[in-house]
Protein backbone atom coordinates (compact mmCIF):
# COMPACT_ATOMS: atom_id res chain seq x y z
CA UNK A 1 105.04 82.81 98.43
CA UNK A 2 107.09 84.21 95.57
CA UNK A 3 108.64 87.53 95.83
CA UNK A 4 108.38 89.96 92.98
CA UNK A 5 111.69 90.36 91.13
CA UNK A 6 113.36 93.73 90.82
CA UNK A 7 113.41 95.16 87.28
CA UNK A 8 117.16 94.76 87.11
CA UNK A 9 117.56 91.43 88.79
CA UNK A 10 119.72 89.26 86.58
CA UNK A 11 121.33 92.17 84.89
CA UNK A 12 124.91 93.00 85.87
CA UNK A 13 126.80 95.18 83.42
CA UNK A 14 130.05 94.35 85.27
CA UNK A 15 129.76 90.66 84.27
CA UNK A 16 129.11 91.55 80.68
CA UNK A 17 126.05 92.17 78.47
CA UNK A 18 122.78 90.52 79.50
CA UNK A 19 121.91 87.17 78.07
CA UNK A 20 119.84 87.35 75.00
CA UNK A 21 117.11 85.51 76.91
CA UNK A 22 116.78 88.02 79.71
CA UNK A 23 113.36 89.46 79.68
CA UNK A 24 114.08 92.12 82.40
CA UNK A 25 114.26 95.81 81.35
CA UNK A 26 117.82 97.08 81.74
CA UNK A 27 118.39 100.16 83.82
CA UNK A 28 118.12 103.63 82.10
CA UNK A 29 119.98 106.76 82.64
CA UNK A 30 118.22 110.04 82.98
CA UNK A 31 120.85 112.73 82.27
CA UNK A 32 119.78 116.29 83.35
CA UNK A 33 120.82 119.68 81.74
CA UNK A 34 123.31 120.39 84.56
CA UNK A 35 125.29 117.03 83.73
CA UNK A 36 124.94 117.38 79.81
CA UNK A 37 125.05 121.05 79.05
CA UNK A 38 121.77 120.45 76.88
CA UNK A 39 118.57 122.47 77.59
CA UNK A 40 116.74 119.23 77.76
CA UNK A 41 116.82 115.84 79.72
CA UNK A 42 118.32 112.98 77.92
CA UNK A 43 117.75 109.38 78.34
CA UNK A 44 120.07 106.54 77.37
CA UNK A 45 119.93 102.79 78.04
CA UNK A 46 121.84 99.65 77.51
CA UNK A 47 120.60 97.50 74.47
CA UNK A 48 118.70 94.82 76.37
CA UNK A 49 116.43 93.06 73.80
CA UNK A 50 116.29 96.10 71.46
CA UNK A 51 116.47 95.38 67.75
CA UNK A 52 117.78 98.74 66.74
CA UNK A 53 121.09 100.50 67.18
CA UNK A 54 122.11 102.97 69.82
CA UNK A 55 119.68 105.70 70.47
CA UNK A 56 119.33 108.72 72.85
CA UNK A 57 115.92 110.03 73.83
CA UNK A 58 115.49 113.72 74.75
CA UNK A 59 112.47 115.37 76.23
CA UNK A 60 111.16 117.92 73.81
CA UNK A 61 110.45 120.29 76.83
CA UNK A 62 113.29 122.20 78.36
CA UNK A 63 114.34 121.42 81.98
CA UNK A 64 114.83 118.48 84.32
CA UNK A 65 111.84 116.19 83.16
CA UNK A 66 111.59 113.09 81.17
CA UNK A 67 108.05 112.30 79.74
CA UNK A 68 108.35 109.33 77.59
CA UNK A 69 105.32 110.46 75.44
CA UNK A 70 107.14 113.79 74.79
CA UNK A 71 110.57 112.71 73.44
CA UNK A 72 112.53 112.98 70.27
CA UNK A 73 114.77 110.04 69.39
CA UNK A 74 118.16 110.42 67.82
CA UNK A 75 120.12 107.54 66.48
CA UNK A 76 123.89 107.75 67.45
CA UNK A 77 125.60 105.80 64.64
CA UNK A 78 126.95 106.41 62.04
CA UNK A 79 126.43 110.00 62.89
CA UNK A 80 123.67 111.56 65.08
CA UNK A 81 120.24 111.72 63.20
CA UNK A 82 116.62 112.38 64.24
CA UNK A 83 114.47 109.15 64.00
CA UNK A 84 111.29 110.30 65.59
CA UNK A 85 109.62 113.20 67.30
CA UNK A 86 110.25 116.80 66.77
CA UNK A 87 112.96 119.13 67.98
CA UNK A 88 113.84 122.72 67.34
CA UNK A 89 116.84 123.10 64.95
CA UNK A 90 118.93 124.53 67.98
CA UNK A 91 118.01 121.70 70.25
CA UNK A 92 118.70 119.09 67.58
CA UNK A 93 121.98 120.70 66.73
CA UNK A 94 122.99 120.67 70.52
CA UNK A 95 121.84 117.03 71.04
CA UNK A 96 123.66 115.84 68.01
CA UNK A 97 126.93 117.66 68.96
CA UNK A 98 126.64 116.17 72.50
CA UNK A 99 125.96 112.69 71.09
CA UNK A 100 129.00 113.04 68.84
CA UNK A 101 131.13 113.91 71.88
CA UNK A 102 129.84 110.95 73.66
CA UNK A 103 129.34 108.24 71.05
CA UNK A 104 132.14 105.87 72.49
CA UNK A 105 130.44 106.10 75.93
CA UNK A 106 126.95 105.45 74.64
CA UNK A 107 128.17 102.48 72.60
CA UNK A 108 129.96 100.96 75.71
CA UNK A 109 126.75 101.46 77.78
CA UNK A 110 124.56 100.07 75.03
CA UNK A 111 126.87 96.89 74.70
CA UNK A 112 126.89 96.49 78.55
CA UNK A 113 130.64 97.02 78.73
CA UNK A 114 130.11 99.83 81.27
CA UNK A 115 127.52 100.45 83.89
CA UNK A 116 125.51 103.61 84.66
CA UNK A 117 128.12 105.05 87.05
CA UNK A 118 130.86 104.52 84.58
CA UNK A 119 128.62 106.19 81.85
CA UNK A 120 128.35 109.07 84.23
CA UNK A 121 132.00 109.41 84.55
CA UNK A 122 132.68 109.06 80.92
CA UNK A 123 130.29 111.57 79.72
CA UNK A 124 131.38 114.94 78.32
CA UNK A 125 129.43 118.14 78.62
CA UNK A 126 128.83 120.42 75.77
CA UNK A 127 131.86 122.87 75.48
CA UNK A 128 129.53 125.83 75.75
CA UNK A 129 128.17 124.67 79.06
CA UNK A 130 131.52 124.08 80.67
CA UNK A 131 132.04 126.30 83.86
CA UNK A 132 133.53 129.65 83.14
CA UNK A 133 132.62 129.69 79.40
CA UNK A 134 130.96 132.61 78.01
CA UNK A 135 127.13 132.48 77.55
CA UNK A 136 125.04 134.16 74.79
CA UNK A 137 123.20 137.39 75.84
C-alpha cells in the first residue's frame, strides 16, 4: 500500500532551490496584518515551477483572511506593480511600499535561498505600523 505524499515532501529550502522536475507545490506563507502592517493579508511563495517572476498576492478584503479568488497580484521587480485584480489606491500604495521594503527577502524566498521561518525573520513591517508610531485619526 502506498502512502500519500505530503505537499512539501522533496522540497527543502535549506538544501537549495527545488529541482526543476519537482512537481510538488512549494509551501506558501500567509502574512497577516499584525506582521506586515498592511490592512490586508499577503501571500508569498517560492518559485516552484512558476514561469513568472516574484509576486505578492494580497487579499482584497481587509483583515486576517486569504481567499485565493479574492486577491490582487503585484509583481515585485523591477518595482512593485499591479498585475491582476483590483485594489484601492491606498491599499496598493501600502502594499507597494511594503514590497519595496522587503524585495530582498521575497527574492531570497522565491529563489529557495531562505525558508519560511527565515522569511518571517527578514520581513520588515511598514513604518507606520511600528509600535509607538502615531496613527491617523
